[in-house]
PDB file of N, CA and C in Angstrom:
ATOM      1  N   MET A   1      25.055   4.715 -20.924  1.00  0.00           N
ATOM      2  CA  MET A   1      24.567   6.081 -20.805  1.00  0.00           C
ATOM      3  C   MET A   1      23.041   6.092 -20.876  1.00  0.00           C
ATOM      4  N   ARG A   2      22.430   6.745 -19.933  1.00  0.00           N
ATOM      5  CA  ARG A   2      20.970   6.841 -19.921  1.00  0.00           C
ATOM      6  C   ARG A   2      20.500   7.807 -21.007  1.00  0.00           C
ATOM      7  N   ASN A   3      19.473   7.378 -21.728  1.00  0.00           N
ATOM      8  CA  ASN A   3      18.817   8.255 -22.687  1.00  0.00           C
ATOM      9  C   ASN A   3      17.354   7.844 -22.779  1.00  0.00           C
ATOM     10  N   PRO A   4      16.509   8.639 -23.428  1.00  0.00           N
ATOM     11  CA  PRO A   4      15.077   8.310 -23.475  1.00  0.00           C
ATOM     12  C   PRO A   4      14.770   6.939 -24.071  1.00  0.00           C
ATOM     13  N   LYS A   5      15.606   6.436 -24.942  1.00  0.00           N
ATOM     14  CA  LYS A   5      15.338   5.151 -25.585  1.00  0.00           C
ATOM     15  C   LYS A   5      15.641   3.957 -24.695  1.00  0.00           C
ATOM     16  N   ASN A   6      16.584   4.113 -23.754  1.00  0.00           N
ATOM     17  CA  ASN A   6      16.967   2.965 -22.931  1.00  0.00           C
ATOM     18  C   ASN A   6      16.727   3.181 -21.436  1.00  0.00           C
ATOM     19  N   ILE A   7      15.875   4.120 -21.090  1.00  0.00           N
ATOM     20  CA  ILE A   7      15.647   4.445 -19.683  1.00  0.00           C
ATOM     21  C   ILE A   7      15.131   3.246 -18.888  1.00  0.00           C
ATOM     22  N   LEU A   8      14.377   2.351 -19.508  1.00  0.00           N
ATOM     23  CA  LEU A   8      13.828   1.200 -18.796  1.00  0.00           C
ATOM     24  C   LEU A   8      14.900   0.179 -18.415  1.00  0.00           C
ATOM     25  N   GLN A   9      16.047   0.207 -19.071  1.00  0.00           N
ATOM     26  CA  GLN A   9      17.123  -0.729 -18.762  1.00  0.00           C
ATOM     27  C   GLN A   9      18.153  -0.138 -17.790  1.00  0.00           C
ATOM     28  N   HIS A  10      17.811   0.955 -17.142  1.00  0.00           N
ATOM     29  CA  HIS A  10      18.746   1.597 -16.214  1.00  0.00           C
ATOM     30  C   HIS A  10      18.138   1.722 -14.829  1.00  0.00           C
ATOM     31  N   GLU A  11      18.988   1.968 -13.882  1.00  0.00           N
ATOM     32  CA  GLU A  11      18.604   2.194 -12.499  1.00  0.00           C
ATOM     33  C   GLU A  11      17.865   3.525 -12.401  1.00  0.00           C
ATOM     34  N   LEU A  12      16.755   3.552 -11.689  1.00  0.00           N
ATOM     35  CA  LEU A  12      15.966   4.773 -11.529  1.00  0.00           C
ATOM     36  C   LEU A  12      16.248   5.482 -10.211  1.00  0.00           C
ATOM     37  N   ILE A  13      16.838   4.769  -9.266  1.00  0.00           N
ATOM     38  CA  ILE A  13      17.117   5.361  -7.954  1.00  0.00           C
ATOM     39  C   ILE A  13      18.055   6.553  -8.130  1.00  0.00           C
ATOM     40  N   GLY A  14      17.678   7.655  -7.497  1.00  0.00           N
ATOM     41  CA  GLY A  14      18.463   8.880  -7.579  1.00  0.00           C
ATOM     42  C   GLY A  14      17.919   9.871  -8.592  1.00  0.00           C
ATOM     43  N   MET A  15      16.993   9.430  -9.435  1.00  0.00           N
ATOM     44  CA  MET A  15      16.421  10.322 -10.444  1.00  0.00           C
ATOM     45  C   MET A  15      15.213  11.049  -9.864  1.00  0.00           C
ATOM     46  N   HIS A  16      14.923  12.209 -10.411  1.00  0.00           N
ATOM     47  CA  HIS A  16      13.756  12.975  -9.995  1.00  0.00           C
ATOM     48  C   HIS A  16      12.576  12.608 -10.871  1.00  0.00           C
ATOM     49  N   CYS A  17      11.396  12.532 -10.248  1.00  0.00           N
ATOM     50  CA  CYS A  17      10.202  12.185 -11.020  1.00  0.00           C
ATOM     51  C   CYS A  17       8.979  12.864 -10.445  1.00  0.00           C
ATOM     52  N   LYS A  18       7.903  12.828 -11.231  1.00  0.00           N
ATOM     53  CA  LYS A  18       6.608  13.375 -10.836  1.00  0.00           C
ATOM     54  C   LYS A  18       5.544  12.396 -11.299  1.00  0.00           C
ATOM     55  N   VAL A  19       4.532  12.182 -10.476  1.00  0.00           N
ATOM     56  CA  VAL A  19       3.421  11.304 -10.845  1.00  0.00           C
ATOM     57  C   VAL A  19       2.448  12.131 -11.689  1.00  0.00           C
ATOM     58  N   ILE A  20       2.308  11.743 -12.962  1.00  0.00           N
ATOM     59  CA  ILE A  20       1.460  12.471 -13.901  1.00  0.00           C
ATOM     60  C   ILE A  20       0.037  11.919 -13.891  1.00  0.00           C
ATOM     61  N   SER A  21      -0.075  10.607 -13.808  1.00  0.00           N
ATOM     62  CA  SER A  21      -1.375   9.943 -13.838  1.00  0.00           C
ATOM     63  C   SER A  21      -1.290   8.732 -12.919  1.00  0.00           C
ATOM     64  N   SER A  22      -2.402   8.453 -12.224  1.00  0.00           N
ATOM     65  CA  SER A  22      -2.407   7.318 -11.310  1.00  0.00           C
ATOM     66  C   SER A  22      -3.834   6.848 -11.081  1.00  0.00           C
ATOM     67  N   GLN A  23      -3.967   5.563 -10.768  1.00  0.00           N
ATOM     68  CA  GLN A  23      -5.276   5.034 -10.398  1.00  0.00           C
ATOM     69  C   GLN A  23      -5.723   5.637  -9.064  1.00  0.00           C
ATOM     70  N   ASN A  24      -4.772   6.026  -8.243  1.00  0.00           N
ATOM     71  CA  ASN A  24      -5.051   6.685  -6.971  1.00  0.00           C
ATOM     72  C   ASN A  24      -4.927   8.193  -7.197  1.00  0.00           C
ATOM     73  N   ARG A  25      -6.047   8.881  -7.259  1.00  0.00           N
ATOM     74  CA  ARG A  25      -6.030  10.308  -7.609  1.00  0.00           C
ATOM     75  C   ARG A  25      -5.270  11.161  -6.593  1.00  0.00           C
ATOM     76  N   TYR A  26      -5.099  10.671  -5.378  1.00  0.00           N
ATOM     77  CA  TYR A  26      -4.372  11.420  -4.359  1.00  0.00           C
ATOM     78  C   TYR A  26      -2.863  11.421  -4.606  1.00  0.00           C
ATOM     79  N   GLN A  27      -2.386  10.537  -5.454  1.00  0.00           N
ATOM     80  CA  GLN A  27      -0.953  10.467  -5.743  1.00  0.00           C
ATOM     81  C   GLN A  27      -0.542  11.346  -6.924  1.00  0.00           C
ATOM     82  N   ILE A  28      -1.507  11.815  -7.703  1.00  0.00           N
ATOM     83  CA  ILE A  28      -1.190  12.657  -8.853  1.00  0.00           C
ATOM     84  C   ILE A  28      -0.560  13.957  -8.361  1.00  0.00           C
ATOM     85  N   GLY A  29       0.571  14.305  -8.955  1.00  0.00           N
ATOM     86  CA  GLY A  29       1.279  15.525  -8.584  1.00  0.00           C
ATOM     87  C   GLY A  29       2.414  15.326  -7.607  1.00  0.00           C
ATOM     88  N   ILE A  30       2.521  14.140  -7.017  1.00  0.00           N
ATOM     89  CA  ILE A  30       3.639  13.875  -6.098  1.00  0.00           C
ATOM     90  C   ILE A  30       4.928  13.927  -6.896  1.00  0.00           C
ATOM     91  N   LYS A  31       5.897  14.662  -6.377  1.00  0.00           N
ATOM     92  CA  LYS A  31       7.183  14.739  -7.068  1.00  0.00           C
ATOM     93  C   LYS A  31       8.305  14.709  -6.054  1.00  0.00           C
ATOM     94  N   GLY A  32       9.442  14.240  -6.530  1.00  0.00           N
ATOM     95  CA  GLY A  32      10.599  14.151  -5.658  1.00  0.00           C
ATOM     96  C   GLY A  32      11.643  13.233  -6.247  1.00  0.00           C
ATOM     97  N   LYS A  33      12.513  12.759  -5.391  1.00  0.00           N
ATOM     98  CA  LYS A  33      13.632  11.911  -5.805  1.00  0.00           C
ATOM     99  C   LYS A  33      13.294  10.451  -5.512  1.00  0.00           C
ATOM    100  N   ILE A  34      13.551   9.579  -6.479  1.00  0.00           N
ATOM    101  CA  ILE A  34      13.322   8.153  -6.290  1.00  0.00           C
ATOM    102  C   ILE A  34      14.417   7.625  -5.363  1.00  0.00           C
ATOM    103  N   ILE A  35      13.998   7.032  -4.229  1.00  0.00           N
ATOM    104  CA  ILE A  35      14.992   6.541  -3.272  1.00  0.00           C
ATOM    105  C   ILE A  35      15.005   5.028  -3.152  1.00  0.00           C
ATOM    106  N   ASP A  36      13.974   4.357  -3.690  1.00  0.00           N
ATOM    107  CA  ASP A  36      13.963   2.896  -3.668  1.00  0.00           C
ATOM    108  C   ASP A  36      12.951   2.398  -4.693  1.00  0.00           C
ATOM    109  N   GLU A  37      13.140   1.153  -5.113  1.00  0.00           N
ATOM    110  CA  GLU A  37      12.245   0.539  -6.089  1.00  0.00           C
ATOM    111  C   GLU A  37      12.110  -0.936  -5.752  1.00  0.00           C
ATOM    112  N   THR A  38      10.880  -1.439  -5.810  1.00  0.00           N
ATOM    113  CA  THR A  38      10.629  -2.858  -5.594  1.00  0.00           C
ATOM    114  C   THR A  38       9.918  -3.411  -6.821  1.00  0.00           C
ATOM    115  N   LEU A  39       9.462  -4.642  -6.712  1.00  0.00           N
ATOM    116  CA  LEU A  39       8.760  -5.291  -7.813  1.00  0.00           C
ATOM    117  C   LEU A  39       7.547  -4.482  -8.266  1.00  0.00           C
ATOM    118  N   LYS A  40       6.768  -3.968  -7.320  1.00  0.00           N
ATOM    119  CA  LYS A  40       5.507  -3.311  -7.666  1.00  0.00           C
ATOM    120  C   LYS A  40       5.417  -1.838  -7.281  1.00  0.00           C
ATOM    121  N   THR A  41       6.430  -1.306  -6.595  1.00  0.00           N
ATOM    122  CA  THR A  41       6.332   0.078  -6.126  1.00  0.00           C
ATOM    123  C   THR A  41       7.614   0.863  -6.350  1.00  0.00           C
ATOM    124  N   ILE A  42       7.442   2.174  -6.309  1.00  0.00           N
ATOM    125  CA  ILE A  42       8.569   3.115  -6.324  1.00  0.00           C
ATOM    126  C   ILE A  42       8.406   3.997  -5.091  1.00  0.00           C
ATOM    127  N   LEU A  43       9.482   4.187  -4.345  1.00  0.00           N
ATOM    128  CA  LEU A  43       9.470   5.021  -3.150  1.00  0.00           C
ATOM    129  C   LEU A  43      10.086   6.370  -3.508  1.00  0.00           C
ATOM    130  N   ILE A  44       9.298   7.431  -3.316  1.00  0.00           N
ATOM    131  CA  ILE A  44       9.735   8.784  -3.664  1.00  0.00           C
ATOM    132  C   ILE A  44       9.875   9.608  -2.394  1.00  0.00           C
ATOM    133  N   LYS A  45      10.990  10.320  -2.271  1.00  0.00           N
ATOM    134  CA  LYS A  45      11.165  11.247  -1.155  1.00  0.00           C
ATOM    135  C   LYS A  45      10.672  12.605  -1.632  1.00  0.00           C
ATOM    136  N   SER A  46       9.581  13.044  -1.023  1.00  0.00           N
ATOM    137  CA  SER A  46       8.943  14.303  -1.383  1.00  0.00           C
ATOM    138  C   SER A  46       9.005  15.211  -0.160  1.00  0.00           C
ATOM    139  N   GLY A  47       9.910  16.160  -0.184  1.00  0.00           N
ATOM    140  CA  GLY A  47      10.124  17.000   0.998  1.00  0.00           C
ATOM    141  C   GLY A  47      10.683  16.150   2.114  1.00  0.00           C
ATOM    142  N   ASN A  48      10.017  16.154   3.256  1.00  0.00           N
ATOM    143  CA  ASN A  48      10.444  15.325   4.394  1.00  0.00           C
ATOM    144  C   ASN A  48       9.685  14.011   4.462  1.00  0.00           C
ATOM    145  N   GLU A  49       8.798  13.773   3.497  1.00  0.00           N
ATOM    146  CA  GLU A  49       7.978  12.571   3.507  1.00  0.00           C
ATOM    147  C   GLU A  49       8.463  11.558   2.480  1.00  0.00           C
ATOM    148  N   ARG A  50       8.100  10.316   2.728  1.00  0.00           N
ATOM    149  CA  ARG A  50       8.377   9.238   1.780  1.00  0.00           C
ATOM    150  C   ARG A  50       7.036   8.716   1.280  1.00  0.00           C
ATOM    151  N   LYS A  51       6.875   8.681  -0.031  1.00  0.00           N
ATOM    152  CA  LYS A  51       5.624   8.243  -0.634  1.00  0.00           C
ATOM    153  C   LYS A  51       5.864   6.964  -1.422  1.00  0.00           C
ATOM    154  N   ASN A  52       5.094   5.936  -1.114  1.00  0.00           N
ATOM    155  CA  ASN A  52       5.204   4.653  -1.802  1.00  0.00           C
ATOM    156  C   ASN A  52       4.152   4.644  -2.915  1.00  0.00           C
ATOM    157  N   ILE A  53       4.583   4.613  -4.164  1.00  0.00           N
ATOM    158  CA  ILE A  53       3.703   4.725  -5.316  1.00  0.00           C
ATOM    159  C   ILE A  53       3.663   3.391  -6.055  1.00  0.00           C
ATOM    160  N   GLN A  54       2.465   2.910  -6.301  1.00  0.00           N
ATOM    161  CA  GLN A  54       2.292   1.666  -7.063  1.00  0.00           C
ATOM    162  C   GLN A  54       2.645   1.924  -8.528  1.00  0.00           C
ATOM    163  N   LYS A  55       3.405   1.012  -9.137  1.00  0.00           N
ATOM    164  CA  LYS A  55       3.805   1.156 -10.535  1.00  0.00           C
ATOM    165  C   LYS A  55       2.641   0.932 -11.488  1.00  0.00           C
ATOM    166  N   LYS A  56       1.840  -0.095 -11.205  1.00  0.00           N
ATOM    167  CA  LYS A  56       0.746  -0.468 -12.099  1.00  0.00           C
ATOM    168  C   LYS A  56      -0.280   0.665 -12.188  1.00  0.00           C
ATOM    169  N   GLY A  57      -0.567   1.082 -13.412  1.00  0.00           N
ATOM    170  CA  GLY A  57      -1.569   2.111 -13.639  1.00  0.00           C
ATOM    171  C   GLY A  57      -1.096   3.530 -13.381  1.00  0.00           C
ATOM    172  N   THR A  58       0.211   3.722 -13.266  1.00  0.00           N
ATOM    173  CA  THR A  58       0.765   5.047 -12.975  1.00  0.00           C
ATOM    174  C   THR A  58       1.711   5.475 -14.086  1.00  0.00           C
ATOM    175  N   ILE A  59       1.666   6.756 -14.416  1.00  0.00           N
ATOM    176  CA  ILE A  59       2.616   7.309 -15.387  1.00  0.00           C
ATOM    177  C   ILE A  59       3.524   8.277 -14.633  1.00  0.00           C
ATOM    178  N   PHE A  60       4.824   8.044 -14.755  1.00  0.00           N
ATOM    179  CA  PHE A  60       5.837   8.858 -14.091  1.00  0.00           C
ATOM    180  C   PHE A  60       6.521   9.752 -15.121  1.00  0.00           C
ATOM    181  N   ARG A  61       6.756  11.011 -14.773  1.00  0.00           N
ATOM    182  CA  ARG A  61       7.561  11.901 -15.610  1.00  0.00           C
ATOM    183  C   ARG A  61       8.936  11.985 -14.960  1.00  0.00           C
ATOM    184  N   ILE A  62       9.905  11.366 -15.610  1.00  0.00           N
ATOM    185  CA  ILE A  62      11.261  11.283 -15.076  1.00  0.00           C
ATOM    186  C   ILE A  62      12.127  12.347 -15.730  1.00  0.00           C
ATOM    187  N   THR A  63      12.903  13.046 -14.918  1.00  0.00           N
ATOM    188  CA  THR A  63      13.804  14.077 -15.428  1.00  0.00           C
ATOM    189  C   THR A  63      15.164  13.445 -15.683  1.00  0.00           C
ATOM    190  N   LEU A  64      15.603  13.540 -16.921  1.00  0.00           N
ATOM    191  CA  LEU A  64      16.893  12.999 -17.344  1.00  0.00           C
ATOM    192  C   LEU A  64      17.684  14.147 -17.942  1.00  0.00           C
ATOM    193  N   SER A  65      18.675  14.627 -17.194  1.00  0.00           N
ATOM    194  CA  SER A  65      19.432  15.836 -17.565  1.00  0.00           C
ATOM    195  C   SER A  65      18.437  16.976 -17.737  1.00  0.00           C
ATOM    196  N   ASP A  66      18.267  17.490 -18.941  1.00  0.00           N
ATOM    197  CA  ASP A  66      17.327  18.576 -19.172  1.00  0.00           C
ATOM    198  C   ASP A  66      16.066  18.100 -19.889  1.00  0.00           C
ATOM    199  N   LYS A  67      15.916  16.777 -20.039  1.00  0.00           N
ATOM    200  CA  LYS A  67      14.767  16.209 -20.742  1.00  0.00           C
ATOM    201  C   LYS A  67      13.794  15.593 -19.749  1.00  0.00           C
ATOM    202  N   LYS A  68      12.523  15.635 -20.103  1.00  0.00           N
ATOM    203  CA  LYS A  68      11.479  15.008 -19.300  1.00  0.00           C
ATOM    204  C   LYS A  68      10.910  13.842 -20.106  1.00  0.00           C
ATOM    205  N   ILE A  69      10.856  12.668 -19.486  1.00  0.00           N
ATOM    206  CA  ILE A  69      10.409  11.451 -20.155  1.00  0.00           C
ATOM    207  C   ILE A  69       9.229  10.885 -19.383  1.00  0.00           C
ATOM    208  N   ASP A  70       8.126  10.634 -20.077  1.00  0.00           N
ATOM    209  CA  ASP A  70       6.976   9.996 -19.442  1.00  0.00           C
ATOM    210  C   ASP A  70       7.124   8.487 -19.572  1.00  0.00           C
ATOM    211  N   VAL A  71       7.078   7.793 -18.438  1.00  0.00           N
ATOM    212  CA  VAL A  71       7.268   6.346 -18.399  1.00  0.00           C
ATOM    213  C   VAL A  71       6.020   5.708 -17.796  1.00  0.00           C
ATOM    214  N   ASP A  72       5.453   4.745 -18.518  1.00  0.00           N
ATOM    215  CA  ASP A  72       4.304   3.994 -18.032  1.00  0.00           C
ATOM    216  C   ASP A  72       4.804   2.991 -16.989  1.00  0.00           C
ATOM    217  N   GLY A  73       4.268   3.081 -15.795  1.00  0.00           N
ATOM    218  CA  GLY A  73       4.680   2.190 -14.713  1.00  0.00           C
ATOM    219  C   GLY A  73       4.452   0.721 -15.018  1.00  0.00           C
ATOM    220  N   ASN A  74       3.522   0.416 -15.917  1.00  0.00           N
ATOM    221  CA  ASN A  74       3.272  -0.980 -16.293  1.00  0.00           C
ATOM    222  C   ASN A  74       4.507  -1.605 -16.944  1.00  0.00           C
ATOM    223  N   PHE A  75       5.342  -0.783 -17.596  1.00  0.00           N
ATOM    224  CA  PHE A  75       6.572  -1.292 -18.200  1.00  0.00           C
ATOM    225  C   PHE A  75       7.687  -1.470 -17.166  1.00  0.00           C
ATOM    226  N   LEU A  76       7.482  -0.933 -15.982  1.00  0.00           N
ATOM    227  CA  LEU A  76       8.472  -1.059 -14.907  1.00  0.00           C
ATOM    228  C   LEU A  76       8.171  -2.225 -13.974  1.00  0.00           C
ATOM    229  N   LEU A  77       7.052  -2.917 -14.211  1.00  0.00           N
ATOM    230  CA  LEU A  77       6.640  -4.008 -13.323  1.00  0.00           C
ATOM    231  C   LEU A  77       7.597  -5.191 -13.411  1.00  0.00           C
ATOM    232  N   ALA A  78       8.609  -5.147 -12.609  1.00  0.00           N
ATOM    233  CA  ALA A  78       9.614  -6.204 -12.486  1.00  0.00           C
ATOM    234  C   ALA A  78      10.549  -5.780 -11.363  1.00  0.00           C
ATOM    235  N   ARG A  79      11.270  -6.741 -10.847  1.00  0.00           N
ATOM    236  CA  ARG A  79      12.303  -6.367  -9.878  1.00  0.00           C
ATOM    237  C   ARG A  79      13.334  -5.547 -10.637  1.00  0.00           C
ATOM    238  N   PRO A  80      13.860  -4.488 -10.036  1.00  0.00           N
ATOM    239  CA  PRO A  80      14.805  -3.630 -10.746  1.00  0.00           C
ATOM    240  C   PRO A  80      15.985  -4.402 -11.327  1.00  0.00           C
ATOM    241  N   GLU A  81      16.507  -5.354 -10.566  1.00  0.00           N
ATOM    242  CA  GLU A  81      17.670  -6.094 -11.047  1.00  0.00           C
ATOM    243  C   GLU A  81      17.321  -6.976 -12.265  1.00  0.00           C
ATOM    244  N   ASP A  82      16.083  -7.441 -12.340  1.00  0.00           N
ATOM    245  CA  ASP A  82      15.664  -8.238 -13.495  1.00  0.00           C
ATOM    246  C   ASP A  82      15.368  -7.350 -14.700  1.00  0.00           C
ATOM    247  N   ARG A  83      14.739  -6.192 -14.448  1.00  0.00           N
ATOM    248  CA  ARG A  83      14.414  -5.270 -15.540  1.00  0.00           C
ATOM    249  C   ARG A  83      15.670  -4.750 -16.214  1.00  0.00           C
ATOM    250  N   ILE A  84      16.699  -4.481 -15.447  1.00  0.00           N
ATOM    251  CA  ILE A  84      17.952  -3.953 -15.994  1.00  0.00           C
ATOM    252  C   ILE A  84      18.626  -4.975 -16.917  1.00  0.00           C
ATOM    253  N   LYS A  85      18.471  -6.248 -16.614  1.00  0.00           N
ATOM    254  CA  LYS A  85      19.094  -7.313 -17.419  1.00  0.00           C
ATOM    255  C   LYS A  85      18.403  -7.517 -18.763  1.00  0.00           C
ATOM    256  N   GLN A  86      17.105  -7.129 -18.866  1.00  0.00           N
ATOM    257  CA  GLN A  86      16.365  -7.319 -20.105  1.00  0.00           C
ATOM    258  C   GLN A  86      16.889  -6.412 -21.206  1.00  0.00           C
ATOM    259  N   LYS A  87      16.737  -6.889 -22.433  1.00  0.00           N
ATOM    260  CA  LYS A  87      17.171  -6.078 -23.580  1.00  0.00           C
ATOM    261  C   LYS A  87      16.007  -5.697 -24.414  1.00  0.00           C
TER     262      LYS A  87
END
C-alpha cells in the first residue's frame, strides 16, 4: 500500500504530480499525470503535451489519495525497477 513513508519504493506511473522547484525555471508549475519514468527523467502528460522533466534538482509534489507529498527528485535517481527493489 502506498503511503507517504514508502512512496519511493512504489511505482509512480499513473500518479498526478506538480513540479514545485527545478533547476530549469521554465518547468516550475508543470502538472499532470506521470506516464513514464527513466533513470534520470520523469515524463508528465500535461494537457495534450508531454513534458520530460529531469529528476536531479527537481522537487515534485505527488498527489496520493487526498494527501500531497513533496518528493526530492534526487532520491528518485535510479531506474524505477531498481528503486522499487530497495528497502
